[in-house]
Amino acid sequence: MLAQASQHVLTTLLRAETQPAHHALDSLPILVEIASGSIEPHRYLIVIAAFDQVWRMTEPDAWAVLTKKIPEISTLRDERCLLLDDDLAALGGRGPKPKLADAVAIVTASQAAGALYVLEGARLGGRLIADRLRKAGHPLGSPGYRFFGDLRDDVAIRWRQFRSLVDAVPWTTTECTSACDAARATFTAIASALQAELADG
């Protein structure tokens, strides 16, 4: 498929190339729990701590690199790692940890696009999770629950804007390969962080 990458818009290719990694992540029991809205507080903290690791080590660099390639995308820049930091502190979570072994390399714009495809795409699933957490009685929007509670109703519009700006770039086949590698690495990093937090917890 990547041999024909120039005939495809990047986000369509990313979706196809990352489906197995995406499905494997969503199938982790702890993410199935939070997706249902039924999750115990200590398990919720594990999710927030794991997400904090990945977003903090990936999101700022990815936005900085991608906005150099696509200046217009700066209007969407919204670093949710700051919300995770706040939530983790409010929940009494542990402080910053060493970088994950499965760190995501963000050097090129294509790598940034791949990583942000995962992090920005997570807003869509996060919006559904937020609705279920709220129905289950979790205090979304209060300290400790801002990462999910801050998601607005316009996430689908924002996602279309992000995809449109990324897909307007004439990425080369090599860049498409790099973007797909970075996206898969981001999914892997999230899974690894969750497994590490579960082991520690």
N, C-alpha and C. Protein backbone atom coordinates (compact mmCIF):
# COMPACT_ATOMS: atom_id res chain seq x y z
N MET A 1 0.83 -1.21 0.00
CA MET A 1 0.00 0.00 0.00
C MET A 1 0.86 1.25 0.00
N LEU A 2 1.94 1.26 0.78
CA LEU A 2 2.76 2.45 0.86
C LEU A 2 3.46 2.76 -0.46
N ALA A 3 3.63 1.75 -1.28
CA ALA A 3 4.24 1.99 -2.59
C ALA A 3 3.35 2.91 -3.42
N GLN A 4 2.07 2.91 -3.11
CA GLN A 4 1.12 3.74 -3.84
C GLN A 4 0.70 4.96 -3.00
N ALA A 5 1.51 5.31 -2.01
CA ALA A 5 1.11 6.34 -1.06
C ALA A 5 0.79 7.67 -1.72
N SER A 6 1.49 8.01 -2.78
CA SER A 6 1.28 9.31 -3.41
C SER A 6 -0.12 9.45 -3.99
N GLN A 7 -0.83 8.33 -4.16
CA GLN A 7 -2.18 8.38 -4.71
C GLN A 7 -3.24 8.54 -3.60
N HIS A 8 -2.81 8.61 -2.35
CA HIS A 8 -3.74 8.65 -1.23
C HIS A 8 -3.50 9.88 -0.37
N VAL A 9 -4.56 10.38 0.25
CA VAL A 9 -4.37 11.42 1.24
C VAL A 9 -3.78 10.75 2.48
N LEU A 10 -2.97 11.49 3.20
CA LEU A 10 -2.19 10.89 4.28
C LEU A 10 -3.07 10.30 5.39
N THR A 11 -4.11 11.03 5.81
CA THR A 11 -4.88 10.51 6.94
C THR A 11 -5.66 9.25 6.58
N THR A 12 -6.04 9.11 5.31
CA THR A 12 -6.68 7.87 4.88
C THR A 12 -5.70 6.71 4.96
N LEU A 13 -4.49 6.96 4.54
CA LEU A 13 -3.45 5.95 4.63
C LEU A 13 -3.14 5.61 6.08
N LEU A 14 -3.06 6.62 6.93
CA LEU A 14 -2.78 6.40 8.35
C LEU A 14 -3.86 5.52 8.98
N ARG A 15 -5.09 5.79 8.63
CA ARG A 15 -6.18 4.98 9.19
C ARG A 15 -6.03 3.52 8.81
N ALA A 16 -5.74 3.27 7.55
CA ALA A 16 -5.60 1.89 7.09
C ALA A 16 -4.39 1.20 7.71
N GLU A 17 -3.28 1.92 7.78
CA GLU A 17 -2.03 1.32 8.24
C GLU A 17 -1.97 1.11 9.75
N THR A 18 -2.79 1.84 10.50
CA THR A 18 -2.71 1.74 11.96
C THR A 18 -3.87 0.97 12.58
N GLN A 19 -4.77 0.45 11.76
CA GLN A 19 -5.94 -0.24 12.31
C GLN A 19 -5.59 -1.36 13.28
N PRO A 20 -4.62 -2.24 12.97
CA PRO A 20 -4.30 -3.30 13.93
C PRO A 20 -3.80 -2.76 15.27
N ALA A 21 -2.92 -1.76 15.23
CA ALA A 21 -2.40 -1.18 16.47
C ALA A 21 -3.50 -0.48 17.25
N HIS A 22 -4.38 0.21 16.53
CA HIS A 22 -5.50 0.92 17.17
C HIS A 22 -6.43 -0.08 17.85
N HIS A 23 -6.76 -1.14 17.15
CA HIS A 23 -7.67 -2.16 17.69
C HIS A 23 -7.04 -2.83 18.91
N ALA A 24 -5.74 -3.13 18.84
CA ALA A 24 -5.06 -3.79 19.96
C ALA A 24 -5.10 -2.90 21.21
N LEU A 25 -4.90 -1.60 21.01
CA LEU A 25 -4.93 -0.67 22.14
C LEU A 25 -6.34 -0.60 22.74
N ASP A 26 -7.34 -0.42 21.90
CA ASP A 26 -8.71 -0.29 22.39
C ASP A 26 -9.19 -1.56 23.08
N SER A 27 -8.54 -2.68 22.79
CA SER A 27 -8.96 -3.97 23.37
C SER A 27 -8.37 -4.22 24.75
N LEU A 28 -7.43 -3.37 25.18
CA LEU A 28 -6.87 -3.55 26.52
C LEU A 28 -7.99 -3.43 27.56
N PRO A 29 -8.06 -4.35 28.50
CA PRO A 29 -9.18 -4.35 29.46
C PRO A 29 -9.39 -3.02 30.17
N ILE A 30 -8.32 -2.33 30.54
CA ILE A 30 -8.50 -1.08 31.28
C ILE A 30 -9.11 0.01 30.40
N LEU A 31 -8.84 -0.03 29.10
CA LEU A 31 -9.47 0.94 28.20
C LEU A 31 -10.91 0.54 27.88
N VAL A 32 -11.18 -0.76 27.89
CA VAL A 32 -12.57 -1.20 27.75
C VAL A 32 -13.38 -0.72 28.95
N GLU A 33 -12.77 -0.76 30.15
CA GLU A 33 -13.44 -0.29 31.36
C GLU A 33 -13.78 1.19 31.27
N ILE A 34 -12.79 2.00 30.91
CA ILE A 34 -13.05 3.44 30.90
C ILE A 34 -13.99 3.81 29.76
N ALA A 35 -13.95 3.07 28.67
CA ALA A 35 -14.85 3.34 27.55
C ALA A 35 -16.30 3.04 27.92
N SER A 36 -16.50 2.15 28.88
CA SER A 36 -17.86 1.83 29.33
C SER A 36 -18.37 2.85 30.35
N GLY A 37 -17.42 3.65 30.89
CA GLY A 37 -17.80 4.60 31.94
C GLY A 37 -17.72 4.00 33.32
N SER A 38 -17.58 2.69 33.39
CA SER A 38 -17.54 1.99 34.67
C SER A 38 -16.10 1.65 35.01
N ILE A 39 -15.44 2.52 35.76
CA ILE A 39 -14.05 2.30 36.12
C ILE A 39 -13.81 2.82 37.53
N GLU A 40 -13.09 2.04 38.32
CA GLU A 40 -12.80 2.44 39.69
C GLU A 40 -11.79 3.58 39.72
N PRO A 41 -11.83 4.44 40.75
CA PRO A 41 -10.93 5.59 40.81
C PRO A 41 -9.45 5.24 40.66
N HIS A 42 -9.00 4.15 41.28
CA HIS A 42 -7.57 3.83 41.17
C HIS A 42 -7.21 3.38 39.76
N ARG A 43 -8.16 2.80 39.05
CA ARG A 43 -7.93 2.39 37.66
C ARG A 43 -7.97 3.61 36.75
N TYR A 44 -8.84 4.55 37.06
CA TYR A 44 -8.88 5.80 36.30
C TYR A 44 -7.55 6.54 36.43
N LEU A 45 -6.99 6.55 37.62
CA LEU A 45 -5.70 7.21 37.83
C LEU A 45 -4.61 6.56 36.98
N ILE A 46 -4.66 5.25 36.82
CA ILE A 46 -3.67 4.54 35.99
C ILE A 46 -3.75 5.04 34.55
N VAL A 47 -4.97 5.21 34.04
CA VAL A 47 -5.14 5.70 32.67
C VAL A 47 -4.57 7.11 32.53
N ILE A 48 -4.91 7.98 33.48
CA ILE A 48 -4.43 9.37 33.42
C ILE A 48 -2.90 9.41 33.51
N ALA A 49 -2.31 8.61 34.38
CA ALA A 49 -0.86 8.60 34.53
C ALA A 49 -0.17 8.11 33.26
N ALA A 50 -0.74 7.09 32.63
CA ALA A 50 -0.16 6.56 31.39
C ALA A 50 -0.29 7.57 30.26
N PHE A 51 -1.47 8.15 30.11
CA PHE A 51 -1.67 9.16 29.08
C PHE A 51 -0.74 10.35 29.30
N ASP A 52 -0.56 10.74 30.56
CA ASP A 52 0.30 11.87 30.87
C ASP A 52 1.72 11.64 30.35
N GLN A 53 2.22 10.43 30.53
CA GLN A 53 3.57 10.11 30.04
C GLN A 53 3.67 10.33 28.54
N VAL A 54 2.72 9.76 27.82
CA VAL A 54 2.80 9.79 26.35
C VAL A 54 2.53 11.18 25.80
N TRP A 55 1.47 11.82 26.27
CA TRP A 55 1.15 13.16 25.74
C TRP A 55 2.28 14.14 26.06
N ARG A 56 2.85 14.04 27.27
CA ARG A 56 3.88 15.00 27.68
C ARG A 56 5.15 14.83 26.85
N MET A 57 5.48 13.60 26.47
CA MET A 57 6.73 13.39 25.74
C MET A 57 6.54 13.53 24.23
N THR A 58 5.28 13.63 23.77
CA THR A 58 5.01 13.63 22.32
C THR A 58 4.36 14.91 21.83
N GLU A 59 3.33 15.35 22.51
CA GLU A 59 2.47 16.41 21.98
C GLU A 59 3.18 17.75 21.74
N PRO A 60 3.92 18.31 22.72
CA PRO A 60 4.55 19.62 22.48
C PRO A 60 5.52 19.62 21.29
N ASP A 61 6.36 18.59 21.21
CA ASP A 61 7.32 18.51 20.09
C ASP A 61 6.59 18.34 18.76
N ALA A 62 5.55 17.52 18.75
CA ALA A 62 4.81 17.27 17.51
C ALA A 62 4.17 18.54 16.98
N TRP A 63 3.54 19.30 17.86
CA TRP A 63 2.93 20.55 17.42
C TRP A 63 3.98 21.55 16.95
N ALA A 64 5.09 21.63 17.67
CA ALA A 64 6.14 22.59 17.30
C ALA A 64 6.69 22.29 15.91
N VAL A 65 6.89 21.00 15.63
CA VAL A 65 7.45 20.61 14.33
C VAL A 65 6.42 20.76 13.22
N LEU A 66 5.18 20.34 13.47
CA LEU A 66 4.18 20.36 12.40
C LEU A 66 3.79 21.78 12.01
N THR A 67 3.75 22.70 12.97
CA THR A 67 3.36 24.07 12.64
C THR A 67 4.41 24.77 11.77
N LYS A 68 5.63 24.30 11.79
CA LYS A 68 6.65 24.85 10.88
C LYS A 68 6.35 24.43 9.44
N LYS A 69 5.81 23.24 9.29
CA LYS A 69 5.47 22.73 7.96
C LYS A 69 4.12 23.27 7.49
N ILE A 70 3.17 23.37 8.43
CA ILE A 70 1.81 23.81 8.11
C ILE A 70 1.45 24.94 9.08
N PRO A 71 1.84 26.16 8.79
CA PRO A 71 1.58 27.27 9.73
C PRO A 71 0.10 27.43 10.09
N GLU A 72 -0.79 27.14 9.14
CA GLU A 72 -2.22 27.33 9.39
C GLU A 72 -2.75 26.42 10.49
N ILE A 73 -2.05 25.32 10.72
CA ILE A 73 -2.55 24.36 11.71
C ILE A 73 -2.34 24.85 13.13
N SER A 74 -1.61 25.96 13.28
CA SER A 74 -1.36 26.50 14.62
C SER A 74 -2.66 26.93 15.30
N THR A 75 -3.70 27.22 14.51
CA THR A 75 -4.99 27.61 15.10
C THR A 75 -5.63 26.46 15.87
N LEU A 76 -5.19 25.24 15.60
CA LEU A 76 -5.74 24.06 16.30
C LEU A 76 -4.87 23.63 17.46
N ARG A 77 -3.73 24.28 17.61
CA ARG A 77 -2.79 23.86 18.66
C ARG A 77 -3.42 24.03 20.04
N ASP A 78 -3.51 22.94 20.75
CA ASP A 78 -4.17 22.92 22.06
C ASP A 78 -3.56 21.76 22.83
N GLU A 79 -2.55 22.03 23.62
CA GLU A 79 -1.76 20.97 24.24
C GLU A 79 -2.47 20.41 25.46
N ARG A 80 -3.07 19.26 25.25
CA ARG A 80 -3.86 18.62 26.31
C ARG A 80 -2.99 17.95 27.36
N CYS A 81 -1.69 17.90 27.12
CA CYS A 81 -0.79 17.35 28.13
C CYS A 81 -0.85 18.20 29.40
N LEU A 82 -1.17 19.49 29.27
CA LEU A 82 -1.27 20.36 30.43
C LEU A 82 -2.46 19.95 31.31
N LEU A 83 -3.56 19.53 30.69
CA LEU A 83 -4.70 19.05 31.45
C LEU A 83 -4.36 17.76 32.17
N LEU A 84 -3.61 16.89 31.51
CA LEU A 84 -3.21 15.63 32.13
C LEU A 84 -2.29 15.88 33.33
N ASP A 85 -1.37 16.84 33.19
CA ASP A 85 -0.51 17.19 34.31
C ASP A 85 -1.35 17.64 35.51
N ASP A 86 -2.33 18.49 35.23
CA ASP A 86 -3.21 19.00 36.30
C ASP A 86 -4.02 17.87 36.93
N ASP A 87 -4.58 17.01 36.09
CA ASP A 87 -5.38 15.90 36.60
C ASP A 87 -4.54 14.97 37.47
N LEU A 88 -3.35 14.67 37.00
CA LEU A 88 -2.48 13.76 37.75
C LEU A 88 -2.14 14.34 39.11
N ALA A 89 -1.85 15.63 39.16
CA ALA A 89 -1.53 16.28 40.43
C ALA A 89 -2.74 16.28 41.36
N ALA A 90 -3.92 16.56 40.80
CA ALA A 90 -5.13 16.62 41.62
C ALA A 90 -5.51 15.26 42.19
N LEU A 91 -5.19 14.21 41.45
CA LEU A 91 -5.53 12.86 41.88
C LEU A 91 -4.46 12.25 42.78
N GLY A 92 -3.39 13.01 43.02
CA GLY A 92 -2.33 12.50 43.89
C GLY A 92 -1.43 11.50 43.20
N GLY A 93 -1.32 11.61 41.90
CA GLY A 93 -0.47 10.69 41.16
C GLY A 93 1.00 10.99 41.36
N ARG A 94 1.81 10.07 40.92
CA ARG A 94 3.25 10.22 41.05
C ARG A 94 3.76 11.32 40.13
N GLY A 95 4.93 11.82 40.44
CA GLY A 95 5.55 12.87 39.64
C GLY A 95 6.06 12.35 38.32
N PRO A 96 6.73 13.22 37.53
CA PRO A 96 7.24 12.82 36.22
C PRO A 96 8.15 11.61 36.30
N LYS A 97 8.03 10.76 35.30
CA LYS A 97 8.85 9.54 35.23
C LYS A 97 9.87 9.67 34.12
N PRO A 98 10.87 8.78 34.13
CA PRO A 98 11.80 8.77 33.00
C PRO A 98 11.05 8.49 31.71
N LYS A 99 11.61 8.94 30.61
CA LYS A 99 10.95 8.73 29.33
C LYS A 99 10.75 7.24 29.07
N LEU A 100 9.66 6.95 28.40
CA LEU A 100 9.35 5.56 28.06
C LEU A 100 10.41 4.96 27.14
N ALA A 101 10.59 3.67 27.28
CA ALA A 101 11.50 2.97 26.37
C ALA A 101 10.96 3.07 24.94
N ASP A 102 9.62 3.03 24.82
CA ASP A 102 8.98 3.12 23.50
C ASP A 102 8.67 4.57 23.17
N ALA A 103 9.66 5.42 23.27
CA ALA A 103 9.46 6.84 22.98
C ALA A 103 9.19 7.04 21.49
N VAL A 104 8.42 8.08 21.20
CA VAL A 104 8.08 8.40 19.81
C VAL A 104 9.03 9.49 19.32
N ALA A 105 9.80 9.18 18.29
CA ALA A 105 10.74 10.16 17.74
C ALA A 105 9.98 11.20 16.93
N ILE A 106 10.13 12.46 17.29
CA ILE A 106 9.48 13.55 16.55
C ILE A 106 10.57 14.49 16.07
N VAL A 107 11.01 14.26 14.84
CA VAL A 107 12.07 15.08 14.25
C VAL A 107 11.56 15.76 12.99
N THR A 108 10.80 15.03 12.21
CA THR A 108 10.31 15.55 10.92
C THR A 108 8.82 15.86 10.99
N ALA A 109 8.36 16.63 10.02
CA ALA A 109 6.94 16.98 9.97
C ALA A 109 6.07 15.75 9.76
N SER A 110 6.55 14.80 9.00
CA SER A 110 5.76 13.60 8.76
C SER A 110 5.60 12.78 10.05
N GLN A 111 6.66 12.71 10.85
CA GLN A 111 6.56 12.03 12.14
C GLN A 111 5.57 12.76 13.05
N ALA A 112 5.64 14.08 13.03
CA ALA A 112 4.71 14.88 13.83
C ALA A 112 3.27 14.65 13.40
N ALA A 113 3.05 14.59 12.09
CA ALA A 113 1.70 14.36 11.57
C ALA A 113 1.18 13.00 12.01
N GLY A 114 2.05 11.99 11.97
CA GLY A 114 1.63 10.65 12.39
C GLY A 114 1.28 10.58 13.86
N ALA A 115 2.12 11.19 14.69
CA ALA A 115 1.86 11.18 16.13
C ALA A 115 0.58 11.95 16.47
N LEU A 116 0.42 13.11 15.86
CA LEU A 116 -0.77 13.92 16.16
C LEU A 116 -2.04 13.31 15.57
N TYR A 117 -1.91 12.52 14.53
CA TYR A 117 -3.07 11.79 14.02
C TYR A 117 -3.66 10.93 15.14
N VAL A 118 -2.79 10.32 15.94
CA VAL A 118 -3.25 9.48 17.05
C VAL A 118 -3.78 10.32 18.20
N LEU A 119 -3.02 11.33 18.61
CA LEU A 119 -3.42 12.13 19.77
C LEU A 119 -4.66 12.96 19.50
N GLU A 120 -4.74 13.55 18.30
CA GLU A 120 -5.93 14.33 17.95
C GLU A 120 -7.13 13.42 17.72
N GLY A 121 -6.88 12.29 17.10
CA GLY A 121 -7.97 11.34 16.87
C GLY A 121 -8.56 10.82 18.17
N ALA A 122 -7.72 10.79 19.22
CA ALA A 122 -8.20 10.31 20.52
C ALA A 122 -9.29 11.19 21.10
N ARG A 123 -9.40 12.44 20.60
CA ARG A 123 -10.47 13.31 21.09
C ARG A 123 -11.85 12.74 20.74
N LEU A 124 -11.96 12.09 19.58
CA LEU A 124 -13.25 11.54 19.17
C LEU A 124 -13.71 10.47 20.14
N GLY A 125 -12.83 9.51 20.41
CA GLY A 125 -13.17 8.47 21.38
C GLY A 125 -13.32 9.05 22.77
N GLY A 126 -12.50 10.05 23.07
CA GLY A 126 -12.56 10.68 24.38
C GLY A 126 -13.90 11.35 24.64
N ARG A 127 -14.50 11.89 23.60
CA ARG A 127 -15.81 12.55 23.76
C ARG A 127 -16.86 11.52 24.14
N LEU A 128 -16.81 10.34 23.54
CA LEU A 128 -17.76 9.28 23.90
C LEU A 128 -17.51 8.80 25.32
N ILE A 129 -16.21 8.66 25.66
CA ILE A 129 -15.86 8.25 27.02
C ILE A 129 -16.38 9.26 28.03
N ALA A 130 -16.22 10.55 27.72
CA ALA A 130 -16.68 11.60 28.62
C ALA A 130 -18.17 11.47 28.91
N ASP A 131 -18.97 11.22 27.87
CA ASP A 131 -20.41 11.07 28.06
C ASP A 131 -20.73 9.91 29.00
N ARG A 132 -20.00 8.81 28.84
CA ARG A 132 -20.27 7.63 29.66
C ARG A 132 -19.77 7.81 31.09
N LEU A 133 -18.61 8.48 31.24
CA LEU A 133 -18.12 8.76 32.59
C LEU A 133 -19.09 9.68 33.33
N ARG A 134 -19.62 10.66 32.62
CA ARG A 134 -20.56 11.60 33.24
C ARG A 134 -21.83 10.88 33.69
N LYS A 135 -22.34 10.00 32.84
CA LYS A 135 -23.55 9.24 33.18
C LYS A 135 -23.31 8.31 34.36
N ALA A 136 -22.04 7.87 34.51
CA ALA A 136 -21.70 6.97 35.62
C ALA A 136 -21.42 7.73 36.92
N GLY A 137 -21.52 9.06 36.85
CA GLY A 137 -21.38 9.85 38.06
C GLY A 137 -20.01 10.41 38.34
N HIS A 138 -19.07 10.27 37.40
CA HIS A 138 -17.74 10.84 37.59
C HIS A 138 -17.82 12.36 37.41
N PRO A 139 -17.13 13.12 38.27
CA PRO A 139 -17.25 14.59 38.25
C PRO A 139 -16.42 15.26 37.17
N LEU A 140 -16.81 15.07 35.92
CA LEU A 140 -16.04 15.64 34.82
C LEU A 140 -15.99 17.16 34.91
N GLY A 141 -14.81 17.70 34.63
CA GLY A 141 -14.61 19.14 34.70
C GLY A 141 -14.03 19.59 36.01
N SER A 142 -14.16 18.78 37.05
CA SER A 142 -13.59 19.12 38.35
C SER A 142 -12.12 18.67 38.38
N PRO A 143 -11.34 19.14 39.37
CA PRO A 143 -9.93 18.72 39.44
C PRO A 143 -9.77 17.21 39.40
N GLY A 144 -8.89 16.76 38.51
CA GLY A 144 -8.69 15.33 38.32
C GLY A 144 -9.46 14.76 37.15
N TYR A 145 -10.42 15.53 36.64
CA TYR A 145 -11.28 15.02 35.56
C TYR A 145 -11.40 16.02 34.42
N ARG A 146 -10.35 16.82 34.22
CA ARG A 146 -10.42 17.85 33.19
C ARG A 146 -10.05 17.33 31.80
N PHE A 147 -9.19 16.30 31.73
CA PHE A 147 -8.75 15.81 30.42
C PHE A 147 -9.95 15.35 29.59
N PHE A 148 -10.83 14.59 30.20
CA PHE A 148 -12.04 14.17 29.50
C PHE A 148 -13.13 15.21 29.60
N GLY A 149 -13.23 15.91 30.73
CA GLY A 149 -14.29 16.87 30.92
C GLY A 149 -14.18 18.10 30.05
N ASP A 150 -12.97 18.39 29.55
CA ASP A 150 -12.75 19.60 28.75
C ASP A 150 -13.13 19.42 27.28
N LEU A 151 -13.42 18.20 26.86
CA LEU A 151 -13.74 17.95 25.46
C LEU A 151 -15.09 18.58 25.11
N ARG A 152 -15.10 19.36 24.05
CA ARG A 152 -16.30 20.08 23.64
C ARG A 152 -17.05 19.33 22.55
N ASP A 153 -18.23 19.85 22.22
CA ASP A 153 -19.07 19.20 21.22
C ASP A 153 -18.52 19.34 19.80
N ASP A 154 -17.51 20.20 19.63
CA ASP A 154 -17.01 20.46 18.27
C ASP A 154 -15.82 19.57 17.90
N VAL A 155 -15.64 18.45 18.61
CA VAL A 155 -14.46 17.62 18.34
C VAL A 155 -14.47 17.08 16.91
N ALA A 156 -15.65 16.75 16.39
CA ALA A 156 -15.72 16.22 15.02
C ALA A 156 -15.34 17.29 14.01
N ILE A 157 -15.76 18.52 14.24
CA ILE A 157 -15.39 19.62 13.35
C ILE A 157 -13.88 19.85 13.40
N ARG A 158 -13.35 19.85 14.59
CA ARG A 158 -11.91 20.05 14.76
C ARG A 158 -11.13 18.95 14.04
N TRP A 159 -11.60 17.70 14.16
CA TRP A 159 -10.93 16.57 13.52
C TRP A 159 -10.94 16.73 12.00
N ARG A 160 -12.05 17.18 11.45
CA ARG A 160 -12.11 17.40 9.99
C ARG A 160 -11.14 18.51 9.57
N GLN A 161 -11.03 19.55 10.38
CA GLN A 161 -10.09 20.63 10.07
C GLN A 161 -8.65 20.13 10.11
N PHE A 162 -8.34 19.35 11.12
CA PHE A 162 -6.99 18.80 11.23
C PHE A 162 -6.66 17.93 10.02
N ARG A 163 -7.56 17.03 9.67
CA ARG A 163 -7.34 16.15 8.53
C ARG A 163 -7.19 16.94 7.24
N SER A 164 -8.02 17.94 7.06
CA SER A 164 -7.98 18.73 5.84
C SER A 164 -6.63 19.42 5.67
N LEU A 165 -6.12 20.00 6.74
CA LEU A 165 -4.84 20.70 6.66
C LEU A 165 -3.68 19.73 6.42
N VAL A 166 -3.72 18.59 7.08
CA VAL A 166 -2.66 17.59 6.89
C VAL A 166 -2.71 17.02 5.47
N ASP A 167 -3.91 16.75 5.00
CA ASP A 167 -4.07 16.12 3.69
C ASP A 167 -3.80 17.08 2.53
N ALA A 168 -3.75 18.36 2.80
CA ALA A 168 -3.46 19.33 1.74
C ALA A 168 -1.98 19.35 1.38
N VAL A 169 -1.16 18.74 2.21
CA VAL A 169 0.29 18.70 1.96
C VAL A 169 0.62 17.56 0.99
N PRO A 170 1.44 17.81 -0.03
CA PRO A 170 1.83 16.74 -0.96
C PRO A 170 2.96 15.89 -0.38
N TRP A 171 2.63 15.03 0.56
CA TRP A 171 3.63 14.19 1.20
C TRP A 171 4.23 13.19 0.21
N THR A 172 5.51 12.95 0.33
CA THR A 172 6.15 11.93 -0.50
C THR A 172 5.87 10.55 0.06
N THR A 173 6.17 9.54 -0.72
CA THR A 173 5.99 8.17 -0.26
C THR A 173 6.83 7.90 0.98
N THR A 174 8.06 8.39 0.99
CA THR A 174 8.93 8.22 2.15
C THR A 174 8.33 8.90 3.38
N GLU A 175 7.78 10.08 3.19
CA GLU A 175 7.16 10.79 4.31
C GLU A 175 5.92 10.05 4.80
N CYS A 176 5.16 9.48 3.90
CA CYS A 176 3.99 8.71 4.31
C CYS A 176 4.40 7.51 5.16
N THR A 177 5.46 6.84 4.75
CA THR A 177 5.97 5.71 5.52
C THR A 177 6.39 6.16 6.91
N SER A 178 7.08 7.29 6.99
CA SER A 178 7.52 7.84 8.26
C SER A 178 6.34 8.20 9.16
N ALA A 179 5.31 8.79 8.57
CA ALA A 179 4.12 9.15 9.34
C ALA A 179 3.43 7.92 9.91
N CYS A 180 3.32 6.88 9.10
CA CYS A 180 2.68 5.65 9.57
C CYS A 180 3.50 5.00 10.68
N ASP A 181 4.82 5.02 10.54
CA ASP A 181 5.68 4.46 11.59
C ASP A 181 5.50 5.22 12.90
N ALA A 182 5.43 6.55 12.82
CA ALA A 182 5.27 7.37 14.01
C ALA A 182 3.90 7.14 14.67
N ALA A 183 2.88 6.99 13.85
CA ALA A 183 1.54 6.74 14.40
C ALA A 183 1.49 5.40 15.12
N ARG A 184 2.05 4.37 14.49
CA ARG A 184 2.09 3.06 15.15
C ARG A 184 2.90 3.13 16.44
N ALA A 185 4.01 3.87 16.41
CA ALA A 185 4.84 4.01 17.60
C ALA A 185 4.08 4.71 18.72
N THR A 186 3.21 5.64 18.36
CA THR A 186 2.41 6.35 19.37
C THR A 186 1.41 5.40 20.02
N PHE A 187 0.73 4.60 19.22
CA PHE A 187 -0.17 3.59 19.78
C PHE A 187 0.59 2.64 20.70
N THR A 188 1.78 2.22 20.26
CA THR A 188 2.59 1.30 21.07
C THR A 188 3.02 1.96 22.37
N ALA A 189 3.38 3.24 22.32
CA ALA A 189 3.81 3.95 23.52
C ALA A 189 2.67 4.03 24.53
N ILE A 190 1.45 4.28 24.06
CA ILE A 190 0.30 4.35 24.98
C ILE A 190 0.09 2.99 25.64
N ALA A 191 0.13 1.93 24.85
CA ALA A 191 -0.05 0.59 25.40
C ALA A 191 1.04 0.26 26.41
N SER A 192 2.29 0.61 26.09
CA SER A 192 3.41 0.33 26.99
C SER A 192 3.28 1.11 28.30
N ALA A 193 2.85 2.37 28.19
CA ALA A 193 2.68 3.19 29.39
C ALA A 193 1.58 2.62 30.29
N LEU A 194 0.49 2.17 29.69
CA LEU A 194 -0.58 1.57 30.46
C LEU A 194 -0.11 0.29 31.16
N GLN A 195 0.63 -0.53 30.44
CA GLN A 195 1.13 -1.76 31.03
C GLN A 195 2.11 -1.48 32.17
N ALA A 196 2.94 -0.45 32.01
CA ALA A 196 3.90 -0.09 33.06
C ALA A 196 3.17 0.43 34.30
N GLU A 197 2.14 1.26 34.08
CA GLU A 197 1.38 1.78 35.22
C GLU A 197 0.61 0.67 35.93
N LEU A 198 0.09 -0.26 35.18
CA LEU A 198 -0.62 -1.40 35.79
C LEU A 198 0.34 -2.25 36.62
N ALA A 199 1.56 -2.42 36.13
CA ALA A 199 2.56 -3.19 36.87
C ALA A 199 2.94 -2.49 38.16
N ASP A 200 3.04 -1.16 38.10
CA ASP A 200 3.41 -0.38 39.29
C ASP A 200 2.26 -0.30 40.30
N GLY A 201 1.03 -0.31 39.75
CA GLY A 201 -0.14 -0.15 40.62
C GLY A 201 -0.51 -1.40 41.34
